[in-house]
Every structure is written in C-alpha cells, then in structure tokens.
All heavy atoms as atom14 arrays in JSON, in Angstrom:
{
  "sequence": "KGPGYAKAFLDRIYELTGVKPLIYMSNSVVNNYDWTKVVQADYGLWN",
  "atom14_mask": [
    [1, 1, 1, 1, 1, 1, 1, 1, 1, 0, 0, 0, 0, 0],
    [1, 1, 1, 1, 0, 0, 0, 0, 0, 0, 0, 0, 0, 0],
    [1, 1, 1, 1, 1, 1, 1, 0, 0, 0, 0, 0, 0, 0],
    [1, 1, 1, 1, 0, 0, 0, 0, 0, 0, 0, 0, 0, 0],
    [1, 1, 1, 1, 1, 1, 1, 1, 1, 1, 1, 1, 0, 0],
    [1, 1, 1, 1, 1, 0, 0, 0, 0, 0, 0, 0, 0, 0],
    [1, 1, 1, 1, 1, 1, 1, 1, 1, 0, 0, 0, 0, 0],
    [1, 1, 1, 1, 1, 0, 0, 0, 0, 0, 0, 0, 0, 0],
    [1, 1, 1, 1, 1, 1, 1, 1, 1, 1, 1, 0, 0, 0],
    [1, 1, 1, 1, 1, 1, 1, 1, 0, 0, 0, 0, 0, 0],
    [1, 1, 1, 1, 1, 1, 1, 1, 0, 0, 0, 0, 0, 0],
    [1, 1, 1, 1, 1, 1, 1, 1, 1, 1, 1, 0, 0, 0],
    [1, 1, 1, 1, 1, 1, 1, 1, 0, 0, 0, 0, 0, 0],
    [1, 1, 1, 1, 1, 1, 1, 1, 1, 1, 1, 1, 0, 0],
    [1, 1, 1, 1, 1, 1, 1, 1, 1, 0, 0, 0, 0, 0],
    [1, 1, 1, 1, 1, 1, 1, 1, 0, 0, 0, 0, 0, 0],
    [1, 1, 1, 1, 1, 1, 1, 0, 0, 0, 0, 0, 0, 0],
    [1, 1, 1, 1, 0, 0, 0, 0, 0, 0, 0, 0, 0, 0],
    [1, 1, 1, 1, 1, 1, 1, 0, 0, 0, 0, 0, 0, 0],
    [1, 1, 1, 1, 1, 1, 1, 1, 1, 0, 0, 0, 0, 0],
    [1, 1, 1, 1, 1, 1, 1, 0, 0, 0, 0, 0, 0, 0],
    [1, 1, 1, 1, 1, 1, 1, 1, 0, 0, 0, 0, 0, 0],
    [1, 1, 1, 1, 1, 1, 1, 1, 0, 0, 0, 0, 0, 0],
    [1, 1, 1, 1, 1, 1, 1, 1, 1, 1, 1, 1, 0, 0],
    [1, 1, 1, 1, 1, 1, 1, 1, 0, 0, 0, 0, 0, 0],
    [1, 1, 1, 1, 1, 1, 0, 0, 0, 0, 0, 0, 0, 0],
    [1, 1, 1, 1, 1, 1, 1, 1, 0, 0, 0, 0, 0, 0],
    [1, 1, 1, 1, 1, 1, 0, 0, 0, 0, 0, 0, 0, 0],
    [1, 1, 1, 1, 1, 1, 1, 0, 0, 0, 0, 0, 0, 0],
    [1, 1, 1, 1, 1, 1, 1, 0, 0, 0, 0, 0, 0, 0],
    [1, 1, 1, 1, 1, 1, 1, 1, 0, 0, 0, 0, 0, 0],
    [1, 1, 1, 1, 1, 1, 1, 1, 0, 0, 0, 0, 0, 0],
    [1, 1, 1, 1, 1, 1, 1, 1, 1, 1, 1, 1, 0, 0],
    [1, 1, 1, 1, 1, 1, 1, 1, 0, 0, 0, 0, 0, 0],
    [1, 1, 1, 1, 1, 1, 1, 1, 1, 1, 1, 1, 1, 1],
    [1, 1, 1, 1, 1, 1, 1, 0, 0, 0, 0, 0, 0, 0],
    [1, 1, 1, 1, 1, 1, 1, 1, 1, 0, 0, 0, 0, 0],
    [1, 1, 1, 1, 1, 1, 1, 0, 0, 0, 0, 0, 0, 0],
    [1, 1, 1, 1, 1, 1, 1, 0, 0, 0, 0, 0, 0, 0],
    [1, 1, 1, 1, 1, 1, 1, 1, 1, 0, 0, 0, 0, 0],
    [1, 1, 1, 1, 1, 0, 0, 0, 0, 0, 0, 0, 0, 0],
    [1, 1, 1, 1, 1, 1, 1, 1, 0, 0, 0, 0, 0, 0],
    [1, 1, 1, 1, 1, 1, 1, 1, 1, 1, 1, 1, 0, 0],
    [1, 1, 1, 1, 0, 0, 0, 0, 0, 0, 0, 0, 0, 0],
    [1, 1, 1, 1, 1, 1, 1, 1, 0, 0, 0, 0, 0, 0],
    [1, 1, 1, 1, 1, 1, 1, 1, 1, 1, 1, 1, 1, 1],
    [1, 1, 1, 1, 1, 1, 1, 1, 0, 0, 0, 0, 0, 0]
  ],
  "atom14_positions": [
    [[104.41, 114.97, 103.4], [105.58, 114.24, 103.89], [106.36, 113.59, 102.75], [107.52, 113.2, 102.93], [105.19, 113.13, 104.85], [104.58, 113.69, 106.15], [105.64, 114.37, 106.99], [105.12, 114.84, 108.29], [106.13, 115.46, 109.18], [0.0, 0.0, 0.0], [0.0, 0.0, 0.0], [0.0, 0.0, 0.0], [0.0, 0.0, 0.0], [0.0, 0.0, 0.0]],
    [[105.77, 113.48, 101.54], [106.46, 112.92, 100.43], [106.51, 111.45, 100.35], [106.16, 110.7, 101.26], [0.0, 0.0, 0.0], [0.0, 0.0, 0.0], [0.0, 0.0, 0.0], [0.0, 0.0, 0.0], [0.0, 0.0, 0.0], [0.0, 0.0, 0.0], [0.0, 0.0, 0.0], [0.0, 0.0, 0.0], [0.0, 0.0, 0.0], [0.0, 0.0, 0.0]],
    [[106.94, 110.92, 99.19], [106.97, 109.47, 98.93], [107.82, 108.66, 99.92], [107.55, 107.49, 100.15], [107.57, 109.39, 97.52], [107.18, 110.68, 96.87], [107.27, 111.67, 97.94], [0.0, 0.0, 0.0], [0.0, 0.0, 0.0], [0.0, 0.0, 0.0], [0.0, 0.0, 0.0], [0.0, 0.0, 0.0], [0.0, 0.0, 0.0], [0.0, 0.0, 0.0]],
    [[108.87, 109.26, 100.48], [109.73, 108.53, 101.43], [108.95, 108.03, 102.64], [109.16, 106.93, 103.11], [0.0, 0.0, 0.0], [0.0, 0.0, 0.0], [0.0, 0.0, 0.0], [0.0, 0.0, 0.0], [0.0, 0.0, 0.0], [0.0, 0.0, 0.0], [0.0, 0.0, 0.0], [0.0, 0.0, 0.0], [0.0, 0.0, 0.0], [0.0, 0.0, 0.0]],
    [[108.09, 108.88, 103.15], [107.25, 108.5, 104.31], [106.32, 107.35, 103.93], [106.17, 106.37, 104.67], [106.4, 109.73, 104.71], [105.7, 109.65, 106.04], [106.18, 110.34, 107.12], [104.48, 108.94, 106.15], [105.46, 110.31, 108.38], [103.82, 108.93, 107.4], [104.31, 109.57, 108.47], [103.61, 109.54, 109.67], [0.0, 0.0, 0.0], [0.0, 0.0, 0.0]],
    [[105.71, 107.47, 102.73], [104.8, 106.4, 102.27], [105.54, 105.1, 102.09], [105.05, 104.0, 102.47], [104.11, 106.82, 100.98], [0.0, 0.0, 0.0], [0.0, 0.0, 0.0], [0.0, 0.0, 0.0], [0.0, 0.0, 0.0], [0.0, 0.0, 0.0], [0.0, 0.0, 0.0], [0.0, 0.0, 0.0], [0.0, 0.0, 0.0], [0.0, 0.0, 0.0]],
    [[106.75, 105.15, 101.49], [107.51, 103.95, 101.27], [107.94, 103.28, 102.55], [108.01, 102.06, 102.67], [108.72, 104.19, 100.39], [109.45, 102.94, 99.96], [110.57, 103.25, 98.98], [111.24, 101.95, 98.51], [111.94, 101.25, 99.58], [0.0, 0.0, 0.0], [0.0, 0.0, 0.0], [0.0, 0.0, 0.0], [0.0, 0.0, 0.0], [0.0, 0.0, 0.0]],
    [[108.27, 104.09, 103.6], [108.6, 103.53, 104.89], [107.47, 102.74, 105.47], [107.65, 101.67, 106.07], [109.02, 104.67, 105.87], [0.0, 0.0, 0.0], [0.0, 0.0, 0.0], [0.0, 0.0, 0.0], [0.0, 0.0, 0.0], [0.0, 0.0, 0.0], [0.0, 0.0, 0.0], [0.0, 0.0, 0.0], [0.0, 0.0, 0.0], [0.0, 0.0, 0.0]],
    [[106.22, 103.23, 105.27], [105.03, 102.51, 105.7], [104.91, 101.16, 104.92], [104.73, 100.08, 105.5], [103.8, 103.36, 105.48], [102.5, 102.65, 105.79], [101.88, 102.89, 107.07], [101.89, 101.78, 104.94], [100.69, 102.27, 107.36], [100.67, 101.11, 105.24], [100.11, 101.39, 106.49], [0.0, 0.0, 0.0], [0.0, 0.0, 0.0], [0.0, 0.0, 0.0]],
    [[105.01, 101.27, 103.61], [104.84, 100.09, 102.75], [105.9, 99.01, 103.04], [105.6, 97.84, 103.17], [104.89, 100.48, 101.28], [103.79, 101.44, 100.85], [104.13, 102.01, 99.49], [102.43, 100.82, 100.79], [0.0, 0.0, 0.0], [0.0, 0.0, 0.0], [0.0, 0.0, 0.0], [0.0, 0.0, 0.0], [0.0, 0.0, 0.0], [0.0, 0.0, 0.0]],
    [[107.12, 99.46, 103.22], [108.24, 98.55, 103.52], [108.03, 97.84, 104.83], [108.25, 96.65, 104.95], [109.55, 99.33, 103.54], [110.03, 99.73, 102.12], [109.51, 99.23, 101.14], [110.93, 100.56, 102.06], [0.0, 0.0, 0.0], [0.0, 0.0, 0.0], [0.0, 0.0, 0.0], [0.0, 0.0, 0.0], [0.0, 0.0, 0.0], [0.0, 0.0, 0.0]],
    [[107.58, 98.63, 105.83], [107.36, 98.01, 107.15], [106.23, 97.0, 107.15], [106.37, 95.89, 107.75], [107.04, 99.09, 108.16], [106.8, 98.62, 109.58], [107.97, 97.89, 110.12], [107.74, 97.55, 111.59], [108.48, 96.73, 112.32], [109.47, 96.05, 111.7], [108.22, 96.5, 113.57], [0.0, 0.0, 0.0], [0.0, 0.0, 0.0], [0.0, 0.0, 0.0]],
    [[105.17, 97.27, 106.45], [104.08, 96.29, 106.36], [104.54, 95.0, 105.62], [104.21, 93.91, 106.02], [102.83, 96.9, 105.65], [102.22, 97.98, 106.55], [101.85, 95.85, 105.31], [101.69, 97.47, 107.91], [0.0, 0.0, 0.0], [0.0, 0.0, 0.0], [0.0, 0.0, 0.0], [0.0, 0.0, 0.0], [0.0, 0.0, 0.0], [0.0, 0.0, 0.0]],
    [[105.35, 95.23, 104.6], [105.87, 94.05, 103.88], [106.79, 93.22, 104.78], [106.72, 92.02, 104.76], [106.64, 94.48, 102.63], [107.25, 93.35, 101.82], [106.46, 92.29, 101.42], [108.59, 93.37, 101.48], [106.99, 91.23, 100.7], [109.15, 92.34, 100.78], [108.37, 91.27, 100.38], [108.93, 90.23, 99.7], [0.0, 0.0, 0.0], [0.0, 0.0, 0.0]],
    [[107.61, 93.92, 105.57], [108.48, 93.24, 106.54], [107.7, 92.41, 107.53], [108.05, 91.31, 107.88], [109.38, 94.28, 107.23], [110.27, 93.63, 108.31], [111.02, 94.7, 109.18], [110.86, 95.87, 108.91], [111.73, 94.27, 110.1], [0.0, 0.0, 0.0], [0.0, 0.0, 0.0], [0.0, 0.0, 0.0], [0.0, 0.0, 0.0], [0.0, 0.0, 0.0]],
    [[106.59, 93.02, 108.03], [105.78, 92.36, 109.08], [104.95, 91.25, 108.56], [104.68, 90.27, 109.26], [104.91, 93.42, 109.8], [105.61, 94.48, 110.59], [104.62, 95.52, 111.08], [106.33, 93.83, 111.79], [0.0, 0.0, 0.0], [0.0, 0.0, 0.0], [0.0, 0.0, 0.0], [0.0, 0.0, 0.0], [0.0, 0.0, 0.0], [0.0, 0.0, 0.0]],
    [[104.47, 91.32, 107.33], [103.44, 90.39, 106.83], [103.88, 89.55, 105.65], [103.26, 88.55, 105.41], [102.17, 91.15, 106.42], [102.47, 91.98, 105.25], [101.68, 92.09, 107.53], [0.0, 0.0, 0.0], [0.0, 0.0, 0.0], [0.0, 0.0, 0.0], [0.0, 0.0, 0.0], [0.0, 0.0, 0.0], [0.0, 0.0, 0.0], [0.0, 0.0, 0.0]],
    [[104.92, 90.0, 104.96], [105.29, 89.28, 103.71], [104.33, 89.63, 102.59], [104.38, 89.04, 101.52], [0.0, 0.0, 0.0], [0.0, 0.0, 0.0], [0.0, 0.0, 0.0], [0.0, 0.0, 0.0], [0.0, 0.0, 0.0], [0.0, 0.0, 0.0], [0.0, 0.0, 0.0], [0.0, 0.0, 0.0], [0.0, 0.0, 0.0], [0.0, 0.0, 0.0]],
    [[103.45, 90.61, 102.8], [102.46, 90.99, 101.74], [102.8, 92.42, 101.33], [103.01, 93.32, 102.15], [101.02, 90.94, 102.32], [100.01, 91.48, 101.31], [100.66, 89.54, 102.78], [0.0, 0.0, 0.0], [0.0, 0.0, 0.0], [0.0, 0.0, 0.0], [0.0, 0.0, 0.0], [0.0, 0.0, 0.0], [0.0, 0.0, 0.0], [0.0, 0.0, 0.0]],
    [[102.76, 92.69, 100.04], [102.99, 94.02, 99.52], [101.69, 94.74, 99.35], [100.78, 94.34, 98.55], [103.73, 93.94, 98.12], [105.17, 93.45, 98.31], [106.05, 93.81, 97.12], [107.54, 93.42, 97.45], [108.43, 93.79, 96.34], [0.0, 0.0, 0.0], [0.0, 0.0, 0.0], [0.0, 0.0, 0.0], [0.0, 0.0, 0.0], [0.0, 0.0, 0.0]],
    [[101.53, 95.81, 100.11], [100.27, 96.57, 100.03], [100.14, 97.37, 98.78], [101.1, 97.64, 98.06], [100.36, 97.53, 101.24], [101.57, 97.11, 102.05], [102.44, 96.4, 101.09], [0.0, 0.0, 0.0], [0.0, 0.0, 0.0], [0.0, 0.0, 0.0], [0.0, 0.0, 0.0], [0.0, 0.0, 0.0], [0.0, 0.0, 0.0], [0.0, 0.0, 0.0]],
    [[98.91, 97.75, 98.47], [98.66, 98.73, 97.41], [98.74, 100.14, 98.06], [98.63, 100.27, 99.3], [97.23, 98.59, 96.85], [96.93, 97.24, 96.11], [95.48, 97.21, 95.66], [97.89, 97.05, 94.96], [0.0, 0.0, 0.0], [0.0, 0.0, 0.0], [0.0, 0.0, 0.0], [0.0, 0.0, 0.0], [0.0, 0.0, 0.0], [0.0, 0.0, 0.0]],
    [[98.93, 101.14, 97.26], [98.86, 102.53, 97.76], [97.77, 103.29, 96.96], [97.72, 103.2, 95.7], [100.21, 103.27, 97.65], [100.1, 104.65, 98.27], [100.78, 103.25, 96.27], [101.42, 105.36, 98.47], [0.0, 0.0, 0.0], [0.0, 0.0, 0.0], [0.0, 0.0, 0.0], [0.0, 0.0, 0.0], [0.0, 0.0, 0.0], [0.0, 0.0, 0.0]],
    [[96.87, 103.95, 97.68], [95.78, 104.71, 97.09], [96.15, 106.16, 97.09], [96.65, 106.7, 98.11], [94.49, 104.47, 97.94], [93.4, 105.46, 97.59], [92.41, 105.13, 96.69], [93.34, 106.76, 98.25], [91.37, 106.05, 96.37], [92.31, 107.65, 97.96], [91.32, 107.28, 97.06], [90.33, 108.19, 96.75], [0.0, 0.0, 0.0], [0.0, 0.0, 0.0]],
    [[95.9, 106.84, 95.97], [96.13, 108.26, 95.89], [95.37, 108.84, 94.71], [94.98, 108.1, 93.74], [97.61, 108.63, 95.82], [98.28, 108.2, 94.5], [100.09, 108.51, 94.48], [100.7, 107.13, 95.45], [0.0, 0.0, 0.0], [0.0, 0.0, 0.0], [0.0, 0.0, 0.0], [0.0, 0.0, 0.0], [0.0, 0.0, 0.0], [0.0, 0.0, 0.0]],
    [[95.17, 110.19, 94.75], [94.5, 110.84, 93.62], [95.45, 110.9, 92.46], [96.69, 110.91, 92.64], [94.05, 112.22, 94.01], [95.13, 113.06, 94.23], [0.0, 0.0, 0.0], [0.0, 0.0, 0.0], [0.0, 0.0, 0.0], [0.0, 0.0, 0.0], [0.0, 0.0, 0.0], [0.0, 0.0, 0.0], [0.0, 0.0, 0.0], [0.0, 0.0, 0.0]],
    [[94.89, 111.07, 91.27], [95.73, 111.09, 90.09], [96.7, 112.32, 90.1], [97.8, 112.23, 89.57], [94.88, 111.09, 88.81], [95.67, 110.9, 87.58], [96.01, 111.87, 86.9], [96.06, 109.63, 87.3], [0.0, 0.0, 0.0], [0.0, 0.0, 0.0], [0.0, 0.0, 0.0], [0.0, 0.0, 0.0], [0.0, 0.0, 0.0], [0.0, 0.0, 0.0]],
    [[96.28, 113.4, 90.73], [97.21, 114.54, 90.78], [98.43, 114.21, 91.61], [99.57, 114.65, 91.26], [96.46, 115.75, 91.35], [96.03, 115.48, 92.69], [0.0, 0.0, 0.0], [0.0, 0.0, 0.0], [0.0, 0.0, 0.0], [0.0, 0.0, 0.0], [0.0, 0.0, 0.0], [0.0, 0.0, 0.0], [0.0, 0.0, 0.0], [0.0, 0.0, 0.0]],
    [[98.29, 113.48, 92.7], [99.45, 113.08, 93.51], [100.33, 112.08, 92.8], [101.54, 112.1, 92.91], [98.93, 112.5, 94.87], [100.14, 112.09, 95.75], [98.14, 113.55, 95.64], [0.0, 0.0, 0.0], [0.0, 0.0, 0.0], [0.0, 0.0, 0.0], [0.0, 0.0, 0.0], [0.0, 0.0, 0.0], [0.0, 0.0, 0.0], [0.0, 0.0, 0.0]],
    [[99.69, 111.2, 92.01], [100.46, 110.26, 91.16], [101.44, 111.04, 90.29], [102.62, 110.62, 90.14], [99.51, 109.4, 90.28], [100.3, 108.62, 89.28], [98.66, 108.48, 91.13], [0.0, 0.0, 0.0], [0.0, 0.0, 0.0], [0.0, 0.0, 0.0], [0.0, 0.0, 0.0], [0.0, 0.0, 0.0], [0.0, 0.0, 0.0], [0.0, 0.0, 0.0]],
    [[101.01, 112.17, 89.76], [101.8, 112.86, 88.75], [102.64, 114.01, 89.3], [103.54, 114.52, 88.62], [100.89, 113.42, 87.66], [100.37, 112.3, 86.74], [101.08, 111.78, 85.94], [99.13, 111.89, 87.01], [0.0, 0.0, 0.0], [0.0, 0.0, 0.0], [0.0, 0.0, 0.0], [0.0, 0.0, 0.0], [0.0, 0.0, 0.0], [0.0, 0.0, 0.0]],
    [[102.37, 114.45, 90.57], [103.09, 115.6, 91.07], [104.26, 115.21, 91.95], [105.02, 116.09, 92.44], [102.17, 116.48, 91.88], [101.17, 117.23, 91.02], [101.35, 117.38, 89.82], [100.07, 117.7, 91.61], [0.0, 0.0, 0.0], [0.0, 0.0, 0.0], [0.0, 0.0, 0.0], [0.0, 0.0, 0.0], [0.0, 0.0, 0.0], [0.0, 0.0, 0.0]],
    [[104.5, 113.95, 92.16], [105.61, 113.48, 93.0], [106.36, 112.34, 92.26], [105.8, 111.69, 91.38], [105.08, 112.98, 94.34], [104.52, 114.04, 95.22], [103.18, 114.45, 95.05], [105.3, 114.67, 96.18], [102.68, 115.47, 95.85], [104.75, 115.69, 97.01], [103.45, 116.03, 96.83], [102.91, 117.06, 97.65], [0.0, 0.0, 0.0], [0.0, 0.0, 0.0]],
    [[107.61, 112.14, 92.7], [108.42, 111.1, 92.1], [108.25, 109.79, 92.89], [108.75, 109.61, 93.98], [109.88, 111.5, 92.13], [110.8, 110.46, 91.46], [110.29, 109.48, 90.93], [112.03, 110.65, 91.49], [0.0, 0.0, 0.0], [0.0, 0.0, 0.0], [0.0, 0.0, 0.0], [0.0, 0.0, 0.0], [0.0, 0.0, 0.0], [0.0, 0.0, 0.0]],
    [[107.5, 108.87, 92.28], [107.15, 107.6, 92.91], [108.06, 106.44, 92.44], [107.72, 105.28, 92.61], [105.72, 107.27, 92.71], [104.8, 108.24, 93.4], [104.15, 109.3, 92.84], [104.49, 108.23, 94.8], [103.42, 109.98, 93.79], [103.61, 109.33, 95.01], [104.83, 107.45, 95.87], [103.1, 109.63, 96.29], [104.35, 107.73, 97.11], [103.43, 108.85, 97.3]],
    [[109.16, 106.76, 91.79], [110.02, 105.75, 91.17], [110.41, 104.65, 92.15], [110.32, 103.43, 91.79], [111.26, 106.41, 90.56], [110.88, 107.37, 89.64], [112.1, 105.31, 89.84], [0.0, 0.0, 0.0], [0.0, 0.0, 0.0], [0.0, 0.0, 0.0], [0.0, 0.0, 0.0], [0.0, 0.0, 0.0], [0.0, 0.0, 0.0], [0.0, 0.0, 0.0]],
    [[110.83, 105.03, 93.34], [111.32, 103.98, 94.26], [110.18, 103.09, 94.77], [110.4, 101.93, 94.99], [112.0, 104.66, 95.47], [113.35, 105.33, 95.08], [114.04, 105.94, 96.34], [115.36, 106.56, 95.95], [116.04, 107.15, 97.13], [0.0, 0.0, 0.0], [0.0, 0.0, 0.0], [0.0, 0.0, 0.0], [0.0, 0.0, 0.0], [0.0, 0.0, 0.0]],
    [[108.99, 103.65, 94.87], [107.86, 102.86, 95.25], [107.51, 101.86, 94.16], [107.19, 100.7, 94.43], [106.62, 103.78, 95.62], [105.41, 102.93, 95.84], [106.98, 104.62, 96.83], [0.0, 0.0, 0.0], [0.0, 0.0, 0.0], [0.0, 0.0, 0.0], [0.0, 0.0, 0.0], [0.0, 0.0, 0.0], [0.0, 0.0, 0.0], [0.0, 0.0, 0.0]],
    [[107.56, 102.33, 92.93], [107.23, 101.44, 91.78], [108.33, 100.36, 91.68], [107.98, 99.17, 91.47], [107.15, 102.3, 90.51], [106.97, 101.34, 89.29], [105.97, 103.25, 90.57], [0.0, 0.0, 0.0], [0.0, 0.0, 0.0], [0.0, 0.0, 0.0], [0.0, 0.0, 0.0], [0.0, 0.0, 0.0], [0.0, 0.0, 0.0], [0.0, 0.0, 0.0]],
    [[109.61, 100.75, 91.87], [110.65, 99.78, 91.74], [110.58, 98.69, 92.82], [111.01, 97.55, 92.63], [112.01, 100.43, 91.83], [112.35, 101.28, 90.58], [113.57, 102.1, 90.76], [114.12, 102.33, 91.84], [114.17, 102.59, 89.63], [0.0, 0.0, 0.0], [0.0, 0.0, 0.0], [0.0, 0.0, 0.0], [0.0, 0.0, 0.0], [0.0, 0.0, 0.0]],
    [[109.98, 99.06, 93.95], [109.75, 98.05, 95.06], [108.54, 97.23, 94.86], [108.22, 96.38, 95.7], [109.67, 98.81, 96.41], [0.0, 0.0, 0.0], [0.0, 0.0, 0.0], [0.0, 0.0, 0.0], [0.0, 0.0, 0.0], [0.0, 0.0, 0.0], [0.0, 0.0, 0.0], [0.0, 0.0, 0.0], [0.0, 0.0, 0.0], [0.0, 0.0, 0.0]],
    [[107.83, 97.45, 93.73], [106.71, 96.58, 93.29], [105.49, 96.77, 94.19], [104.79, 95.79, 94.43], [107.16, 95.12, 93.24], [106.2, 94.24, 92.43], [105.58, 94.83, 91.51], [106.07, 93.08, 92.72], [0.0, 0.0, 0.0], [0.0, 0.0, 0.0], [0.0, 0.0, 0.0], [0.0, 0.0, 0.0], [0.0, 0.0, 0.0], [0.0, 0.0, 0.0]],
    [[105.18, 98.01, 94.6], [103.95, 98.27, 95.31], [102.91, 98.81, 94.27], [103.17, 99.76, 93.53], [104.16, 99.33, 96.37], [105.07, 98.84, 97.49], [106.33, 99.45, 97.7], [104.72, 97.77, 98.32], [107.14, 98.99, 98.67], [105.55, 97.34, 99.29], [106.79, 97.93, 99.48], [107.61, 97.46, 100.48], [0.0, 0.0, 0.0], [0.0, 0.0, 0.0]],
    [[101.75, 98.16, 94.21], [100.8, 98.49, 93.18], [100.0, 99.72, 93.49], [99.96, 100.19, 94.61], [0.0, 0.0, 0.0], [0.0, 0.0, 0.0], [0.0, 0.0, 0.0], [0.0, 0.0, 0.0], [0.0, 0.0, 0.0], [0.0, 0.0, 0.0], [0.0, 0.0, 0.0], [0.0, 0.0, 0.0], [0.0, 0.0, 0.0], [0.0, 0.0, 0.0]],
    [[99.36, 100.3, 92.48], [98.67, 101.56, 92.55], [97.14, 101.34, 92.52], [96.58, 100.58, 91.71], [99.05, 102.47, 91.44], [98.28, 103.75, 91.33], [98.53, 104.66, 92.49], [98.63, 104.49, 89.99], [0.0, 0.0, 0.0], [0.0, 0.0, 0.0], [0.0, 0.0, 0.0], [0.0, 0.0, 0.0], [0.0, 0.0, 0.0], [0.0, 0.0, 0.0]],
    [[96.46, 102.02, 93.46], [94.98, 102.18, 93.41], [94.73, 103.68, 93.01], [94.97, 104.56, 93.88], [94.4, 101.84, 94.71], [92.87, 102.01, 94.87], [92.0, 102.39, 93.92], [92.12, 101.81, 96.06], [90.75, 102.45, 94.39], [90.78, 102.13, 95.73], [92.43, 101.48, 97.36], [89.75, 102.07, 96.66], [91.42, 101.39, 98.28], [90.11, 101.66, 97.96]],
    [[94.49, 103.94, 91.83], [94.38, 105.3, 91.28], [92.93, 105.88, 91.49], [91.94, 105.16, 91.28], [94.67, 105.28, 89.77], [94.56, 106.62, 89.11], [95.18, 107.57, 89.49], [93.65, 106.72, 88.09], [0.0, 0.0, 0.0], [0.0, 0.0, 0.0], [0.0, 0.0, 0.0], [0.0, 0.0, 0.0], [0.0, 0.0, 0.0], [0.0, 0.0, 0.0]]
  ]
}
C-alpha cells in the first residue's frame, strides 16, 4: 500500500491521542520506499 497508507494511520493516531507513534519495519522496507513525509512529520523508526 506504500508509505501514504502508513502515514494516514500515524496521522490519525496522533490526531486522536496527541501521541506520535513509532513505525516498525524491516531494514529492506526502510530503504526500498520513500519515507520522507513520514520522517518530516516526526514519526520515529523501530528498525
């Protein structure tokens, strides 16, 4: 589904709770997709 789907989840949880979640993914996914917008929104990584 790509980073946009993940960011929609992260943004919604932040809207509901005021807490910025971490996102867990394998290192290959970290490097095979463009996560710039997720990083700019200050969501931390669990690698």
